[in-house]
N, C-alpha and C. Protein backbone atom coordinates (compact mmCIF):
# COMPACT_ATOMS: atom_id res chain seq x y z
N UNK A 1 69.63 93.92 65.60
CA UNK A 1 70.04 94.24 66.63
C UNK A 1 71.00 95.48 66.47
N UNK A 2 71.58 96.35 67.90
CA UNK A 2 72.35 96.96 67.45
C UNK A 2 73.37 97.09 67.45
N UNK A 3 74.46 98.11 67.24
CA UNK A 3 75.82 98.28 66.91
C UNK A 3 76.67 97.99 68.47
N UNK A 4 77.58 97.81 68.83
CA UNK A 4 78.35 97.95 70.30
C UNK A 4 78.83 99.37 69.68
N UNK A 5 78.61 99.79 71.15
CA UNK A 5 79.34 101.19 71.41
C UNK A 5 80.95 100.95 71.41
N UNK A 6 81.91 101.86 70.38
CA UNK A 6 83.43 101.83 71.15
C UNK A 6 83.63 101.73 72.65
N UNK A 7 83.12 102.45 73.58
CA UNK A 7 83.51 102.49 74.60
C UNK A 7 83.03 101.28 75.63
N UNK A 8 82.63 100.05 75.08
CA UNK A 8 82.44 99.24 75.60
C UNK A 8 83.68 97.94 75.30
N UNK A 9 84.16 98.07 74.48
CA UNK A 9 85.66 97.63 73.48
C UNK A 9 86.73 97.14 75.25
N UNK A 10 87.18 96.54 75.41
CA UNK A 10 88.38 96.06 76.30
C UNK A 10 89.25 97.14 76.16
N UNK A 11 89.34 97.54 77.09
CA UNK A 11 90.94 98.49 76.82
C UNK A 11 90.99 99.93 76.45
N UNK A 12 89.22 100.30 76.70
CA UNK A 12 89.02 101.62 75.96
C UNK A 12 88.62 102.55 77.01
N UNK A 13 89.08 102.48 78.44
CA UNK A 13 89.30 102.89 79.95
C UNK A 13 90.24 103.55 79.64
N UNK A 14 91.36 103.07 79.25
CA UNK A 14 92.86 103.47 79.47
C UNK A 14 93.17 104.84 78.80
N UNK A 15 93.63 105.44 79.61
CA UNK A 15 93.72 107.29 79.01
C UNK A 15 95.34 107.43 78.74
N UNK A 16 96.12 106.80 79.49
CA UNK A 16 97.64 106.80 78.97
C UNK A 16 98.04 106.08 79.70
N UNK A 17 99.41 105.33 79.24
CA UNK A 17 99.98 104.25 79.88
C UNK A 17 101.92 104.60 79.44
N UNK A 18 102.48 104.28 80.86
CA UNK A 18 103.96 104.45 81.08
C UNK A 18 104.53 103.27 80.74
N UNK A 19 104.86 103.63 79.49
CA UNK A 19 105.28 101.92 78.61
C UNK A 19 107.18 101.95 79.13
N UNK A 20 107.46 103.55 79.50
CA UNK A 20 109.05 103.20 79.78
C UNK A 20 109.43 102.17 81.37
N UNK A 21 108.38 102.84 82.27
CA UNK A 21 108.59 102.22 83.19
C UNK A 21 108.54 100.63 83.39
N UNK A 22 107.98 100.05 82.53
CA UNK A 22 107.37 98.37 82.03
C UNK A 22 109.19 97.96 81.95
N UNK A 23 110.25 98.99 81.27
CA UNK A 23 111.11 98.73 80.68
C UNK A 23 112.16 99.16 81.69
N UNK A 24 112.08 99.79 82.43
CA UNK A 24 113.20 100.35 83.27
C UNK A 24 113.51 99.94 84.12
N UNK A 25 112.05 99.20 85.47
CA UNK A 25 112.27 98.47 86.32
C UNK A 25 111.53 97.33 86.44
N UNK A 26 111.48 96.49 87.45
CA UNK A 26 110.92 95.04 88.01
C UNK A 26 109.68 95.75 88.43
N UNK A 27 108.44 95.15 88.29
CA UNK A 27 107.48 95.93 89.32
C UNK A 27 106.90 94.70 89.76
N UNK A 28 106.91 95.10 91.48
CA UNK A 28 106.83 94.02 92.54
C UNK A 28 105.60 94.04 92.63
N UNK A 29 104.88 95.33 92.73
CA UNK A 29 103.33 94.88 93.52
C UNK A 29 102.54 96.13 92.53
N UNK A 30 101.31 96.33 92.54
CA UNK A 30 100.21 97.08 91.40
C UNK A 30 99.40 97.78 92.88
N UNK A 31 99.16 99.26 92.37
CA UNK A 31 98.41 99.71 93.30
C UNK A 31 97.18 100.43 92.69
N UNK A 32 96.04 100.58 93.07
CA UNK A 32 94.79 101.49 92.73
C UNK A 32 95.17 103.08 93.21
N UNK A 33 95.05 104.16 92.67
CA UNK A 33 94.79 105.53 93.72
C UNK A 33 93.50 105.95 92.43
N UNK A 34 93.06 106.95 93.60
CA UNK A 34 92.40 108.25 92.86
C UNK A 34 93.23 109.32 92.81
N UNK A 35 92.80 110.15 91.78
CA UNK A 35 93.44 111.17 91.80
C UNK A 35 92.42 112.43 91.99
N UNK A 36 92.87 113.44 92.14
CA UNK A 36 92.09 114.75 92.91
C UNK A 36 92.51 115.83 91.37
N UNK A 37 91.24 116.05 90.54
CA UNK A 37 91.66 117.00 89.35
C UNK A 37 90.53 118.02 89.39
N UNK A 38 90.67 118.58 88.56
CA UNK A 38 90.07 120.22 88.64
C UNK A 38 89.00 119.73 87.55
N UNK A 39 88.18 120.51 86.97
CA UNK A 39 87.33 120.51 85.86
C UNK A 39 87.85 120.40 84.50
N UNK A 40 88.85 121.52 84.15
CA UNK A 40 89.56 121.58 82.89
C UNK A 40 89.99 120.41 82.51
N UNK A 41 90.63 119.79 84.15
CA UNK A 41 91.69 118.67 83.48
C UNK A 41 90.90 117.26 83.28
N UNK A 42 89.44 117.09 83.56
CA UNK A 42 88.67 116.12 83.69
C UNK A 42 88.51 116.22 81.65
N UNK A 43 88.06 117.23 81.66
CA UNK A 43 87.36 117.42 80.27
C UNK A 43 88.75 117.30 79.04
N UNK A 44 89.67 117.51 79.52
CA UNK A 44 91.13 117.24 79.12
C UNK A 44 91.34 115.44 79.10
N UNK A 45 91.17 114.96 79.97
CA UNK A 45 91.28 113.68 79.80
C UNK A 45 90.42 112.69 78.93
N UNK A 46 89.17 113.17 79.16
CA UNK A 46 87.84 112.64 78.24
C UNK A 46 88.39 112.95 76.84
N UNK A 47 89.42 113.85 76.26
CA UNK A 47 89.84 114.46 75.25
C UNK A 47 90.86 113.69 74.93
N UNK A 48 91.26 112.49 75.86
CA UNK A 48 92.58 111.90 75.64
C UNK A 48 94.22 112.55 75.36
N UNK A 49 93.99 113.95 75.94
CA UNK A 49 95.58 114.62 76.57
C UNK A 49 96.12 114.73 77.33
N UNK A 50 96.59 113.51 77.47
CA UNK A 50 97.10 112.89 78.97
C UNK A 50 98.94 112.51 78.62
N UNK A 51 99.54 113.00 79.17
CA UNK A 51 100.84 112.14 79.10
C UNK A 51 101.43 112.04 80.14
N UNK A 52 101.87 110.65 80.58
CA UNK A 52 102.60 110.23 81.94
C UNK A 52 103.86 109.38 81.97
N UNK A 53 104.76 109.65 80.81
CA UNK A 53 105.60 108.98 80.56
C UNK A 53 106.58 109.88 81.56
N UNK A 54 106.90 110.80 81.73
CA UNK A 54 107.71 111.57 82.47
C UNK A 54 107.61 111.49 84.19
N UNK A 55 106.29 111.34 84.25
CA UNK A 55 105.69 111.45 85.59
C UNK A 55 106.64 110.27 86.61
N UNK A 56 106.11 110.79 87.93
CA UNK A 56 106.20 110.04 89.11
C UNK A 56 105.88 110.51 90.61
N UNK A 57 106.11 110.05 91.64
CA UNK A 57 105.41 110.04 92.16
C UNK A 57 105.98 110.11 93.63
N UNK A 58 105.65 111.44 94.40
CA UNK A 58 106.63 111.56 95.62
C UNK A 58 105.59 111.80 96.61
N UNK A 59 106.22 111.52 98.33
CA UNK A 59 105.53 112.01 99.44
C UNK A 59 105.59 112.50 100.23
N UNK A 60 104.85 113.52 100.42
CA UNK A 60 105.45 114.77 101.28
C UNK A 60 104.26 115.23 102.36
N UNK A 61 105.17 115.44 103.42
CA UNK A 61 104.08 115.68 104.60
C UNK A 61 102.97 114.55 104.96
N UNK A 62 102.83 113.65 104.60
CA UNK A 62 102.16 112.38 104.78
C UNK A 62 101.03 112.20 103.89
N UNK A 63 101.90 112.94 101.83
CA UNK A 63 100.40 113.09 101.20
C UNK A 63 101.51 112.45 100.47
N UNK A 64 100.74 111.39 98.90
CA UNK A 64 101.49 111.17 97.88
C UNK A 64 101.16 112.11 96.70
N UNK A 65 101.34 112.64 95.87
CA UNK A 65 101.65 113.39 94.90
C UNK A 65 101.83 113.29 93.58
N UNK A 66 101.24 113.58 92.17
CA UNK A 66 101.64 112.82 91.14
C UNK A 66 102.47 113.89 90.63
N UNK A 67 103.77 113.86 90.20
CA UNK A 67 104.72 115.06 90.12
C UNK A 67 104.79 114.70 88.16
N UNK A 68 105.07 115.70 87.26
CA UNK A 68 105.60 115.52 86.13
C UNK A 68 104.53 115.26 85.11
N UNK A 69 103.13 114.89 85.14
CA UNK A 69 102.38 114.14 84.36
C UNK A 69 101.57 115.31 83.80
N UNK A 70 101.65 115.66 82.27
CA UNK A 70 100.70 116.70 81.77
C UNK A 70 99.34 116.25 80.98
N UNK A 71 98.70 117.08 81.53
CA UNK A 71 97.64 117.12 80.69
C UNK A 71 96.92 118.22 80.15
N UNK A 72 96.75 118.42 78.92
CA UNK A 72 97.04 119.44 78.11
C UNK A 72 95.42 119.84 77.91
N UNK A 73 95.75 121.29 78.22
CA UNK A 73 94.64 121.80 78.40
C UNK A 73 93.75 122.02 76.95
N UNK A 74 92.31 121.78 76.91
CA UNK A 74 91.82 122.13 75.70
C UNK A 74 91.57 123.48 74.80
N UNK A 75 91.31 123.76 73.96
CA UNK A 75 91.41 125.03 73.11
C UNK A 75 90.03 126.06 73.54
N UNK A 76 88.93 125.05 74.21
CA UNK A 76 87.95 125.33 74.73
C UNK A 76 87.82 125.90 75.52
N UNK A 77 88.83 125.63 76.93
CA UNK A 77 88.63 125.76 77.84
C UNK A 77 88.19 127.22 78.20
N UNK A 78 87.56 127.29 79.50
CA UNK A 78 87.22 128.75 79.87
C UNK A 78 88.41 129.97 79.97
N UNK A 79 88.00 130.74 79.75
CA UNK A 79 88.96 131.78 79.61
C UNK A 79 89.41 132.49 81.11
N UNK A 80 88.84 132.21 82.24
CA UNK A 80 89.07 132.82 83.46
C UNK A 80 89.54 131.87 84.32
N UNK A 81 89.68 130.36 83.62
CA UNK A 81 90.50 129.34 84.55
C UNK A 81 92.03 129.64 84.30
N UNK A 82 92.87 129.46 84.51
CA UNK A 82 93.75 129.25 85.04
C UNK A 82 94.39 127.85 84.70
N UNK A 83 95.04 127.22 83.77
CA UNK A 83 95.58 126.07 83.47
C UNK A 83 96.91 125.72 83.43
N UNK A 84 97.23 124.98 84.17
CA UNK A 84 98.74 124.39 84.32
C UNK A 84 98.88 123.16 84.06
N UNK A 85 99.17 123.08 83.10
CA UNK A 85 99.26 121.74 82.31
C UNK A 85 100.09 120.69 83.60
N UNK A 86 101.44 120.37 84.41
CA UNK A 86 102.07 120.45 84.65
C UNK A 86 101.76 120.18 86.67
N UNK A 87 100.88 120.65 86.62
CA UNK A 87 100.67 121.13 88.01
C UNK A 87 101.07 120.07 89.31
N UNK A 88 101.32 119.85 90.26
CA UNK A 88 100.93 118.41 90.98
C UNK A 88 99.93 118.13 91.81
N UNK A 89 99.60 117.10 91.25
CA UNK A 89 98.13 116.59 91.50
C UNK A 89 98.28 115.42 92.69
N UNK A 90 97.24 115.90 93.52
CA UNK A 90 97.07 114.85 94.72
C UNK A 90 96.75 113.53 94.52
N UNK A 91 97.52 112.10 95.15
CA UNK A 91 96.75 110.94 95.02
C UNK A 91 95.86 110.58 95.98
N UNK A 92 94.58 109.99 95.65
CA UNK A 92 93.73 109.73 96.86
C UNK A 92 94.23 107.82 97.17
N UNK A 93 94.82 108.17 98.39
CA UNK A 93 94.99 106.80 98.95
C UNK A 93 94.74 106.63 100.40
N UNK A 94 94.58 105.17 100.56
CA UNK A 94 94.53 105.43 102.19
C UNK A 94 95.83 105.35 103.29
N UNK A 95 95.08 105.79 104.31
CA UNK A 95 96.43 105.88 105.30
C UNK A 95 97.20 104.95 105.92
N UNK A 96 96.63 103.89 105.56
CA UNK A 96 97.02 102.35 105.53
C UNK A 96 98.35 102.04 104.46
N UNK A 97 97.64 102.50 103.37
CA UNK A 97 98.45 102.40 102.23
C UNK A 97 99.02 103.36 101.75
N UNK A 98 99.19 104.20 102.19
CA UNK A 98 100.52 105.49 102.40
C UNK A 98 101.44 105.17 103.42
N UNK A 99 100.95 104.36 104.46
CA UNK A 99 101.88 104.34 105.45
C UNK A 99 103.01 103.47 104.71
N UNK A 100 101.65 102.18 104.27
CA UNK A 100 103.21 100.78 103.90
C UNK A 100 103.87 100.94 102.51
N UNK A 101 103.46 102.30 101.74
CA UNK A 101 104.68 102.78 100.45
C UNK A 101 105.37 103.81 100.99
N UNK A 102 105.41 104.43 101.81
CA UNK A 102 106.40 105.18 102.60
C UNK A 102 107.29 103.97 103.37
N UNK A 103 106.87 103.20 104.19
CA UNK A 103 108.30 102.40 104.88
C UNK A 103 108.84 101.73 103.69
N UNK A 104 108.13 101.10 102.97
CA UNK A 104 108.75 100.38 101.34
C UNK A 104 109.86 101.29 100.98
N UNK A 105 109.34 102.26 100.83
CA UNK A 105 109.87 103.32 99.91
C UNK A 105 111.59 104.04 100.73
N UNK A 106 111.25 103.95 102.11
CA UNK A 106 112.42 104.26 102.98
C UNK A 106 113.37 103.30 103.71
N UNK A 107 112.71 102.19 103.98
CA UNK A 107 113.02 100.96 104.49
C UNK A 107 114.21 100.02 103.52
N UNK A 108 113.60 99.85 102.27
CA UNK A 108 113.80 98.73 101.21
C UNK A 108 113.84 99.03 100.14
N UNK A 109 114.34 100.40 99.72
CA UNK A 109 115.57 101.06 98.39
C UNK A 109 113.63 100.80 97.28
N UNK A 110 112.40 101.08 97.39
CA UNK A 110 111.78 100.64 96.27
C UNK A 110 111.56 102.33 95.69
N UNK A 111 110.70 101.80 94.68
CA UNK A 111 110.59 103.56 93.88
C UNK A 111 108.97 103.37 93.63
N UNK A 112 108.32 104.13 93.49
CA UNK A 112 106.90 104.36 93.10
C UNK A 112 106.68 105.13 92.06
N UNK A 113 106.00 104.69 90.87
CA UNK A 113 105.90 105.51 90.12
C UNK A 113 104.58 104.90 89.16
N UNK A 114 104.01 106.15 88.57
CA UNK A 114 102.41 105.33 87.59
C UNK A 114 102.84 104.62 86.47
N UNK A 115 102.20 103.73 86.59
CA UNK A 115 102.08 102.94 85.37
C UNK A 115 101.35 103.38 84.24
N UNK A 116 99.75 103.65 84.99
CA UNK A 116 98.60 103.84 84.03
C UNK A 116 97.53 104.24 84.45
N UNK A 117 96.85 105.61 83.25
CA UNK A 117 95.95 106.63 83.75
C UNK A 117 94.41 105.99 83.13
N UNK A 118 93.43 105.41 83.57
CA UNK A 118 92.28 105.01 83.01
C UNK A 118 90.82 105.48 83.59
N UNK A 119 89.66 105.48 83.33
CA UNK A 119 88.84 105.24 84.18
C UNK A 119 87.91 104.16 84.66
N UNK A 120 87.48 104.28 85.36
CA UNK A 120 86.76 103.36 86.17
C UNK A 120 85.44 104.19 86.94
N UNK A 121 84.88 103.42 85.73
CA UNK A 121 83.24 104.19 86.04
C UNK A 121 83.34 105.96 85.55
N UNK A 122 82.97 106.86 86.55
CA UNK A 122 83.18 108.00 86.49
C UNK A 122 84.24 109.08 86.46
N UNK A 123 85.41 108.07 87.50
CA UNK A 123 86.57 108.64 88.22
C UNK A 123 87.82 108.37 87.93
N UNK A 124 88.92 108.91 87.72
CA UNK A 124 89.65 108.22 86.76
C UNK A 124 90.62 108.15 87.79
N UNK A 125 91.73 106.53 88.12
CA UNK A 125 92.03 106.32 88.59
C UNK A 125 94.05 106.20 88.00
N UNK A 126 94.68 106.08 89.33
CA UNK A 126 95.85 105.85 88.25
C UNK A 126 96.27 104.31 88.98
N UNK A 127 97.31 103.61 88.05
CA UNK A 127 97.53 102.69 88.46
C UNK A 127 99.23 102.65 89.09
N UNK A 128 99.64 102.68 90.12
CA UNK A 128 101.14 102.91 90.36
C UNK A 128 101.68 101.52 90.80
N UNK A 129 103.09 101.71 90.74
CA UNK A 129 103.39 100.51 91.00
C UNK A 129 104.75 100.45 91.16
N UNK A 130 105.02 99.49 92.64
CA UNK A 130 106.31 100.06 93.89
C UNK A 130 107.33 99.25 92.81
N UNK A 131 108.22 99.69 92.57
CA UNK A 131 109.15 98.72 91.51
C UNK A 131 110.58 99.20 91.94
N UNK A 132 111.34 98.56 91.11
CA UNK A 132 112.82 98.35 91.58
C UNK A 132 113.79 98.61 90.36
N UNK A 133 114.71 99.61 90.50
CA UNK A 133 115.55 99.56 89.00
C UNK A 133 115.96 98.52 88.22
N UNK A 134 115.98 98.53 86.85
CA UNK A 134 116.70 97.02 86.22
C UNK A 134 118.18 98.21 86.27
N UNK A 135 119.21 96.74 86.10
CA UNK A 135 120.04 97.53 85.49
C UNK A 135 120.41 96.97 84.04
N UNK A 136 121.62 97.26 83.44
CA UNK A 136 121.27 97.31 81.45
C UNK A 136 121.63 95.53 81.15
N UNK A 137 121.63 94.73 82.26
CA UNK A 137 121.82 93.10 81.73
C UNK A 137 120.53 92.74 82.06
N UNK A 138 119.53 93.15 83.37
CA UNK A 138 118.35 92.79 83.38
C UNK A 138 117.58 93.29 82.32
N UNK A 139 117.80 94.29 81.39
CA UNK A 139 116.95 94.83 80.16
C UNK A 139 117.19 93.88 79.11
N UNK A 140 118.21 93.55 78.76
CA UNK A 140 119.10 93.03 77.59
C UNK A 140 118.14 91.74 77.80
N UNK A 141 118.18 90.51 79.44
CA UNK A 141 117.55 89.38 79.35
C UNK A 141 116.34 89.86 78.98
N UNK A 142 115.44 90.78 79.45
CA UNK A 142 114.01 90.64 79.04
C UNK A 142 114.14 90.66 77.73
N UNK A 143 114.72 91.71 76.75
CA UNK A 143 114.54 91.82 75.51
C UNK A 143 114.57 90.04 75.10
N UNK A 144 115.63 89.48 75.34
CA UNK A 144 116.06 88.15 74.72
C UNK A 144 114.74 87.32 75.21
N UNK A 145 114.16 87.19 75.89
CA UNK A 145 113.04 86.61 76.36
C UNK A 145 111.91 86.80 76.04
N UNK A 146 111.88 88.15 75.68
CA UNK A 146 110.59 88.39 74.68
C UNK A 146 110.63 88.05 73.04
N UNK A 147 111.77 88.21 72.53
CA UNK A 147 111.98 87.60 71.44
C UNK A 147 111.92 85.86 71.24
N UNK A 148 112.58 85.77 72.35
CA UNK A 148 112.17 84.17 72.13
C UNK A 148 110.97 83.88 72.50
N UNK A 149 109.76 84.42 72.78
CA UNK A 149 108.40 83.81 73.28
C UNK A 149 107.73 84.06 71.75
N UNK A 150 108.49 85.27 71.21
CA UNK A 150 107.57 85.47 69.58
C UNK A 150 108.02 84.72 68.70
N UNK A 151 109.37 84.18 69.05
CA UNK A 151 109.72 83.07 68.03
C UNK A 151 109.11 81.53 68.36
N UNK A 152 108.98 81.51 69.65
CA UNK A 152 108.06 80.23 70.12
C UNK A 152 106.82 80.40 69.15
N UNK A 153 106.00 80.98 69.58
CA UNK A 153 104.91 81.34 69.26
C UNK A 153 104.45 81.03 67.45
N UNK A 154 105.50 81.88 66.83
CA UNK A 154 105.57 81.64 65.43
C UNK A 154 105.95 79.93 65.23
N UNK A 155 106.93 79.25 65.63
CA UNK A 155 107.05 78.24 65.22
C UNK A 155 105.92 77.14 65.79
N UNK A 156 105.33 77.71 66.98
CA UNK A 156 104.09 76.44 67.38
C UNK A 156 103.36 76.96 66.00
N UNK A 157 102.97 78.37 65.46
CA UNK A 157 102.07 78.54 64.48
C UNK A 157 102.18 77.90 63.17
N UNK A 158 103.37 77.35 62.99
CA UNK A 158 103.66 77.25 61.75
C UNK A 158 103.55 75.89 61.72
N UNK A 159 103.82 75.12 63.33
CA UNK A 159 103.87 73.68 63.10
C UNK A 159 102.39 73.38 62.74
N UNK A 160 101.42 74.04 63.20
CA UNK A 160 99.85 73.94 63.05
C UNK A 160 99.57 73.90 61.92
N UNK A 161 100.13 75.00 61.17
CA UNK A 161 99.66 75.03 59.80
C UNK A 161 99.89 74.08 58.87
N UNK A 162 100.67 73.34 59.06
CA UNK A 162 102.40 72.76 58.15
C UNK A 162 101.87 71.05 58.15
């Protein structure tokens, strides 16, 4: 028997997560989008040097762009390429998806934020979420609910063992 490759583990295709988005917003819907990248950015992502914690998505001239995502260039990057770690990157969405998202943003007050960056085959995909902001009392309620579910699991585990 041969050893399993670490790339085959579940979740190993995830490059970066935006954990603060799940805390700050109610996620109404998730959409998968492609990402237009340069060669040095792909190499950087393969090395795991990406951060989308401060990133957001903006719609300009009928297109969607990813702002604020940081892809740190590798030291081995070519010297003739100018590497801008925070440049804006175009999201690859269909016209129907773009129109629907812009309509929801303009009319119903939603926001679009990146939730995750991951590999899907040889391509980099961005999971974007259609979200609404949480108030402070909503955040406290979510924390209480999460703690109660942990406590419930602990109680059930102890009952099974005892």
